[in-house]
Protein backbone atom coordinates (compact mmCIF):
# COMPACT_ATOMS: atom_id res chain seq x y z
CA UNK A 1 36.82 -22.98 4.18
CA UNK A 2 36.41 -19.35 3.59
CA UNK A 3 33.05 -17.92 5.06
CA UNK A 4 31.64 -14.51 3.89
CA UNK A 5 29.54 -12.92 6.50
CA UNK A 6 27.51 -9.63 6.36
CA UNK A 7 29.47 -6.89 7.49
CA UNK A 8 26.58 -5.56 9.63
CA UNK A 9 24.61 -8.57 10.58
CA UNK A 10 26.95 -11.33 10.79
CA UNK A 11 24.69 -13.53 8.80
CA UNK A 12 26.98 -16.03 6.43
CA UNK A 13 26.46 -15.00 2.98
CA UNK A 14 28.17 -17.77 1.04
CA UNK A 15 31.54 -19.73 1.28
CA UNK A 16 34.39 -21.02 -1.23
CA UNK A 17 32.46 -24.10 -1.26
CA UNK A 18 29.94 -22.68 -3.54
CA UNK A 19 32.02 -22.55 -6.56
CA UNK A 20 34.38 -20.31 -8.19
CA UNK A 21 34.11 -17.12 -7.16
CA UNK A 22 35.15 -13.89 -9.11
CA UNK A 23 35.66 -10.58 -8.19
CA UNK A 24 34.34 -8.28 -10.69
CA UNK A 25 35.37 -4.46 -10.84
CA UNK A 26 37.13 -4.68 -7.24
CA UNK A 27 33.40 -4.31 -6.07
CA UNK A 28 31.28 -7.65 -5.98
CA UNK A 29 31.88 -11.43 -5.78
CA UNK A 30 30.34 -13.44 -8.81
CA UNK A 31 29.08 -16.36 -7.36
CA UNK A 32 28.16 -19.33 -9.29
CA UNK A 33 25.22 -21.65 -7.83
CA UNK A 34 24.04 -24.50 -8.18
CA UNK A 35 20.49 -26.82 -7.90
CA UNK A 36 21.01 -29.42 -4.95
CA UNK A 37 18.58 -31.14 -3.27
CA UNK A 38 19.52 -33.20 0.14
CA UNK A 39 17.80 -35.73 2.24
CA UNK A 40 18.38 -36.36 5.34
CA UNK A 41 17.34 -38.80 8.26
CA UNK A 42 16.44 -37.20 11.75
CA UNK A 43 17.16 -39.78 14.37
CA UNK A 44 15.42 -39.66 17.34
CA UNK A 45 18.99 -38.65 19.12
CA UNK A 46 19.18 -35.78 17.60
CA UNK A 47 15.78 -34.34 18.64
CA UNK A 48 16.33 -35.52 22.00
CA UNK A 49 14.10 -38.88 21.98
CA UNK A 50 15.20 -42.13 23.78
CA UNK A 51 14.09 -44.84 22.12
CA UNK A 52 15.24 -47.62 24.16
CA UNK A 53 13.43 -45.69 27.52
CA UNK A 54 10.23 -45.23 25.40
CA UNK A 55 9.92 -48.88 24.15
CA UNK A 56 11.04 -48.07 20.55
CA UNK A 57 13.96 -49.28 18.53
CA UNK A 58 17.22 -47.53 19.10
CA UNK A 59 17.68 -47.38 15.19
CA UNK A 60 14.36 -45.45 14.39
CA UNK A 61 14.59 -42.37 12.73
CA UNK A 62 11.82 -39.77 12.14
CA UNK A 63 10.56 -39.09 8.50
CA UNK A 64 13.13 -38.13 6.35
CA UNK A 65 13.55 -34.15 5.33
CA UNK A 66 14.41 -33.22 1.37
CA UNK A 67 15.46 -29.70 1.07
CA UNK A 68 15.80 -28.59 -2.36
CA UNK A 69 17.03 -25.06 -4.00
CA UNK A 70 20.19 -23.52 -4.89
CA UNK A 71 23.03 -24.46 -3.19
CA UNK A 72 23.94 -20.63 -1.52
CA UNK A 73 20.42 -20.31 -0.78
CA UNK A 74 19.98 -23.74 1.14
CA UNK A 75 23.57 -23.95 2.69
CA UNK A 76 23.66 -20.27 4.06
CA UNK A 77 19.91 -20.33 4.71
CA UNK A 78 19.36 -17.12 2.71
CA UNK A 79 15.98 -15.81 2.86
CA UNK A 80 14.02 -14.67 -0.54
CA UNK A 81 12.52 -10.75 -0.28
CA UNK A 82 11.04 -8.54 -2.61
CA UNK A 83 11.53 -5.25 -4.11
CA UNK A 84 9.97 -3.11 -6.72
CA UNK A 85 12.53 -0.26 -8.55
CA UNK A 86 11.33 2.09 -6.06
CA UNK A 87 12.15 0.24 -2.79
CA UNK A 88 15.27 -1.01 -4.25
CA UNK A 89 16.63 2.19 -4.66
CA UNK A 90 15.70 3.50 -1.65
CA UNK A 91 17.47 0.42 0.11
CA UNK A 92 20.52 0.46 -1.82
CA UNK A 93 21.16 4.03 -1.32
CA UNK A 94 20.71 3.93 2.37
CA UNK A 95 22.73 0.68 2.55
CA UNK A 96 25.56 2.21 0.54
CA UNK A 97 25.78 5.47 2.57
CA UNK A 98 26.05 2.99 5.50
CA UNK A 99 28.77 1.06 4.00
CA UNK A 100 30.37 4.13 2.64
CA UNK A 101 30.44 5.25 6.46
CA UNK A 102 31.98 2.44 7.46
CA UNK A 103 34.60 2.29 5.11
CA UNK A 104 35.36 5.45 6.11
CA UNK A 105 36.48 4.48 9.58
CA UNK A 106 37.91 1.07 8.87
CA UNK A 107 39.47 1.30 5.42
CA UNK A 108 39.55 5.08 4.37
CA UNK A 109 41.70 4.14 0.96
CA UNK A 110 38.59 1.53 -0.43
CA UNK A 111 35.81 4.68 -0.20
CA UNK A 112 36.96 6.23 -3.99
CA UNK A 113 36.80 2.73 -5.42
CA UNK A 114 33.44 1.91 -3.99
CA UNK A 115 32.00 5.40 -4.52
CA UNK A 116 32.59 4.95 -8.21
CA UNK A 117 32.09 1.48 -8.95
CA UNK A 118 28.75 1.66 -6.56
CA UNK A 119 27.35 4.65 -9.09
CA UNK A 120 27.88 2.24 -12.26
CA UNK A 121 26.51 -1.19 -10.13
CA UNK A 122 23.33 0.61 -9.19
CA UNK A 123 22.46 2.23 -12.20
CA UNK A 124 22.69 -1.13 -14.23
CA UNK A 125 20.61 -2.66 -11.56
CA UNK A 126 18.00 -0.33 -11.69
CA UNK A 127 17.72 -0.17 -15.56
CA UNK A 128 14.15 -1.22 -16.31
CA UNK A 129 15.24 -3.76 -18.87
CA UNK A 130 17.63 -5.73 -16.20
CA UNK A 131 15.72 -5.53 -12.60
CA UNK A 132 13.19 -7.98 -13.67
CA UNK A 133 15.97 -10.02 -14.27
CA UNK A 134 17.44 -10.15 -10.67
CA UNK A 135 15.64 -11.99 -7.24
CA UNK A 136 16.84 -10.73 -4.01
CA UNK A 137 17.98 -12.62 -0.95
CA UNK A 138 18.79 -11.60 2.73
CA UNK A 139 21.09 -13.45 5.36
CA UNK A 140 19.48 -15.91 7.53
CA UNK A 141 18.53 -12.84 10.32
CA UNK A 142 16.68 -10.97 7.31
CA UNK A 143 17.95 -7.51 9.18
CA UNK A 144 16.91 -4.73 6.78
CA UNK A 145 20.25 -3.12 7.59
CA UNK A 146 22.09 -6.20 6.28
CA UNK A 147 23.34 -6.85 2.55
CA UNK A 148 20.93 -8.31 0.00
CA UNK A 149 22.32 -10.55 -2.40
CA UNK A 150 21.26 -10.47 -6.10
CA UNK A 151 20.44 -13.67 -8.11
CA UNK A 152 20.50 -13.12 -11.86
CA UNK A 153 19.90 -16.16 -13.81
CA UNK A 154 22.15 -15.06 -16.98
CA UNK A 155 21.38 -14.65 -20.21
CA UNK A 156 20.42 -18.26 -21.11
CA UNK A 157 18.18 -17.62 -17.85
CA UNK A 158 19.52 -20.96 -16.53
CA UNK A 159 22.76 -19.99 -15.03
CA UNK A 160 22.17 -18.95 -11.67
CA UNK A 161 24.69 -16.42 -10.63
CA UNK A 162 24.35 -14.54 -7.05
CA UNK A 163 26.09 -11.10 -6.63
CA UNK A 164 27.57 -10.07 -3.42
CA UNK A 165 29.28 -6.58 -2.69
CA UNK A 166 32.58 -6.84 -1.82
CA UNK A 167 32.81 -4.37 0.82
CA UNK A 168 29.54 -5.82 2.38
CA UNK A 169 30.88 -8.92 3.59
CA UNK A 170 34.15 -10.14 5.21
CA UNK A 171 36.16 -13.23 5.11
CA UNK A 172 36.52 -15.76 8.04
CA UNK A 173 38.58 -18.88 7.79
CA UNK A 174 37.15 -21.70 9.71
């Protein structure tokens, strides 16, 4: 399995178990998302209880817990956040500047590709008609220095697809 982690925060953002990952314009990954619902029974052993010492049955479980949502969000514990066009513009310009500086240090050959692609990418997102179609997600730490993933529901408004900047994540095999 390959997990893609935020280069600044180390937060897990997505993995190859989410579905077919597509690299677009050598700039960002498109990651399809699916609705999921997962119910778990939490045993006393998992939460530190000792039923036999407390006079209960060892097989007892706490109430089941159900988590529903998009698989990418649930599995990787992404957190929803919000932006208006002005605040996203400020965020993405700052983030792109930090990411470009990191690339200059670690992979200078990527800088021209990144810089050219980001202009078009940002312009498309900030287009008034397009901007309202996006939802925004941070990693589990909710660190404002980290990558903000974009979720678009597609042309039919029923097909969720995440966008993650290629240079904003690092692959980790586990």
